[in-house]
Amino acid sequence: MHVAPVGGTAVQDHVALAEIELCGELIIAASAAREDRLSLESIDEVLRVAEERAGEGRGAEGG
């Protein structure tokens, strides 16, 4: 069995950290919601889907 050495070997997976942050934001939104479940629109708002799509559109235009 191989065990990772202790100290000074911290590895950060930026994608995993971003996913954890988004999950946390969804949990917070769900706990504050009055409904039993978040609507798809609410989920998109929490995850800033519209902002991401707008950014992709600008990149495609070469601007």
C-alpha atoms as a PDB file:
ATOM      1  CA  MET A   1       0.000   0.000   0.000  1.00  0.00           C
ATOM      2  CA  HIS A   2       1.302   3.442  -0.965  1.00  0.00           C
ATOM      3  CA  VAL A   3       0.647   6.332   1.431  1.00  0.00           C
ATOM      4  CA  ALA A   4       1.168   9.954   0.420  1.00  0.00           C
ATOM      5  CA  PRO A   5       4.023  11.667   2.256  1.00  0.00           C
ATOM      6  CA  VAL A   6       3.060  14.109   4.998  1.00  0.00           C
ATOM      7  CA  GLY A   7       3.750  17.841   4.698  1.00  0.00           C
ATOM      8  CA  GLY A   8       4.537  20.100   1.767  1.00  0.00           C
ATOM      9  CA  THR A   9       2.744  18.035  -0.859  1.00  0.00           C
ATOM     10  CA  ALA A  10      -0.604  19.826  -1.001  1.00  0.00           C
ATOM     11  CA  VAL A  11      -2.185  19.426  -4.403  1.00  0.00           C
ATOM     12  CA  GLN A  12      -5.084  21.606  -5.411  1.00  0.00           C
ATOM     13  CA  ASP A  13      -7.567  20.408  -7.960  1.00  0.00           C
ATOM     14  CA  HIS A  14      -9.071  23.706  -9.086  1.00  0.00           C
ATOM     15  CA  VAL A  15     -11.935  22.033 -10.952  1.00  0.00           C
ATOM     16  CA  ALA A  16     -12.901  20.012  -7.879  1.00  0.00           C
ATOM     17  CA  LEU A  17     -12.699  23.108  -5.671  1.00  0.00           C
ATOM     18  CA  ALA A  18     -14.946  25.032  -8.065  1.00  0.00           C
ATOM     19  CA  GLU A  19     -17.464  22.169  -8.094  1.00  0.00           C
ATOM     20  CA  ILE A  20     -17.471  22.059  -4.291  1.00  0.00           C
ATOM     21  CA  GLU A  21     -18.098  25.809  -4.179  1.00  0.00           C
ATOM     22  CA  LEU A  22     -21.024  25.506  -6.607  1.00  0.00           C
ATOM     23  CA  CYS A  23     -22.508  22.630  -4.597  1.00  0.00           C
ATOM     24  CA  GLY A  24     -22.265  24.761  -1.478  1.00  0.00           C
ATOM     25  CA  GLU A  25     -24.078  27.610  -3.209  1.00  0.00           C
ATOM     26  CA  LEU A  26     -26.837  25.218  -4.295  1.00  0.00           C
ATOM     27  CA  ILE A  27     -27.191  23.873  -0.757  1.00  0.00           C
ATOM     28  CA  ILE A  28     -27.491  27.402   0.627  1.00  0.00           C
ATOM     29  CA  ALA A  29     -30.094  28.319  -1.990  1.00  0.00           C
ATOM     30  CA  ALA A  30     -32.060  25.126  -1.342  1.00  0.00           C
ATOM     31  CA  SER A  31     -32.080  25.702   2.405  1.00  0.00           C
ATOM     32  CA  ALA A  32     -33.402  29.246   1.902  1.00  0.00           C
ATOM     33  CA  ALA A  33     -36.068  28.256  -0.636  1.00  0.00           C
ATOM     34  CA  ARG A  34     -39.718  28.197   0.377  1.00  0.00           C
ATOM     35  CA  GLU A  35     -40.505  25.375  -2.053  1.00  0.00           C
ATOM     36  CA  ASP A  36     -39.638  21.715  -1.539  1.00  0.00           C
ATOM     37  CA  ARG A  37     -37.265  21.865  -4.509  1.00  0.00           C
ATOM     38  CA  LEU A  38     -35.402  24.505  -6.453  1.00  0.00           C
ATOM     39  CA  SER A  39     -36.852  25.234  -9.867  1.00  0.00           C
ATOM     40  CA  LEU A  40     -34.633  24.845 -12.903  1.00  0.00           C
ATOM     41  CA  GLU A  41     -34.635  28.624 -13.228  1.00  0.00           C
ATOM     42  CA  SER A  42     -33.464  29.001  -9.621  1.00  0.00           C
ATOM     43  CA  ILE A  43     -30.678  26.489 -10.168  1.00  0.00           C
ATOM     44  CA  ASP A  44     -29.564  28.320 -13.319  1.00  0.00           C
ATOM     45  CA  GLU A  45     -29.577  31.595 -11.383  1.00  0.00           C
ATOM     46  CA  VAL A  46     -27.473  30.164  -8.543  1.00  0.00           C
ATOM     47  CA  LEU A  47     -25.001  28.642 -10.995  1.00  0.00           C
ATOM     48  CA  ARG A  48     -24.945  31.856 -13.077  1.00  0.00           C
ATOM     49  CA  VAL A  49     -25.739  29.941 -16.267  1.00  0.00           C
ATOM     50  CA  ALA A  50     -26.968  33.043 -18.132  1.00  0.00           C
ATOM     51  CA  GLU A  51     -23.730  34.893 -17.342  1.00  0.00           C
ATOM     52  CA  GLU A  52     -21.678  31.949 -18.601  1.00  0.00           C
ATOM     53  CA  ARG A  53     -23.681  31.724 -21.819  1.00  0.00           C
ATOM     54  CA  ALA A  54     -23.322  35.482 -22.375  1.00  0.00           C
ATOM     55  CA  GLY A  55     -19.551  35.153 -21.956  1.00  0.00           C
ATOM     56  CA  GLU A  56     -19.417  32.328 -24.488  1.00  0.00           C
ATOM     57  CA  GLY A  57     -21.407  34.403 -26.970  1.00  0.00           C
ATOM     58  CA  ARG A  58     -18.963  37.284 -26.728  1.00  0.00           C
ATOM     59  CA  GLY A  59     -16.023  34.936 -27.266  1.00  0.00           C
ATOM     60  CA  ALA A  60     -17.579  33.504 -30.414  1.00  0.00           C
ATOM     61  CA  GLU A  61     -17.922  36.985 -31.875  1.00  0.00           C
ATOM     62  CA  GLY A  62     -14.219  37.581 -31.552  1.00  0.00           C
ATOM     63  CA  GLY A  63     -14.754  40.472 -29.100  1.00  0.00           C
END
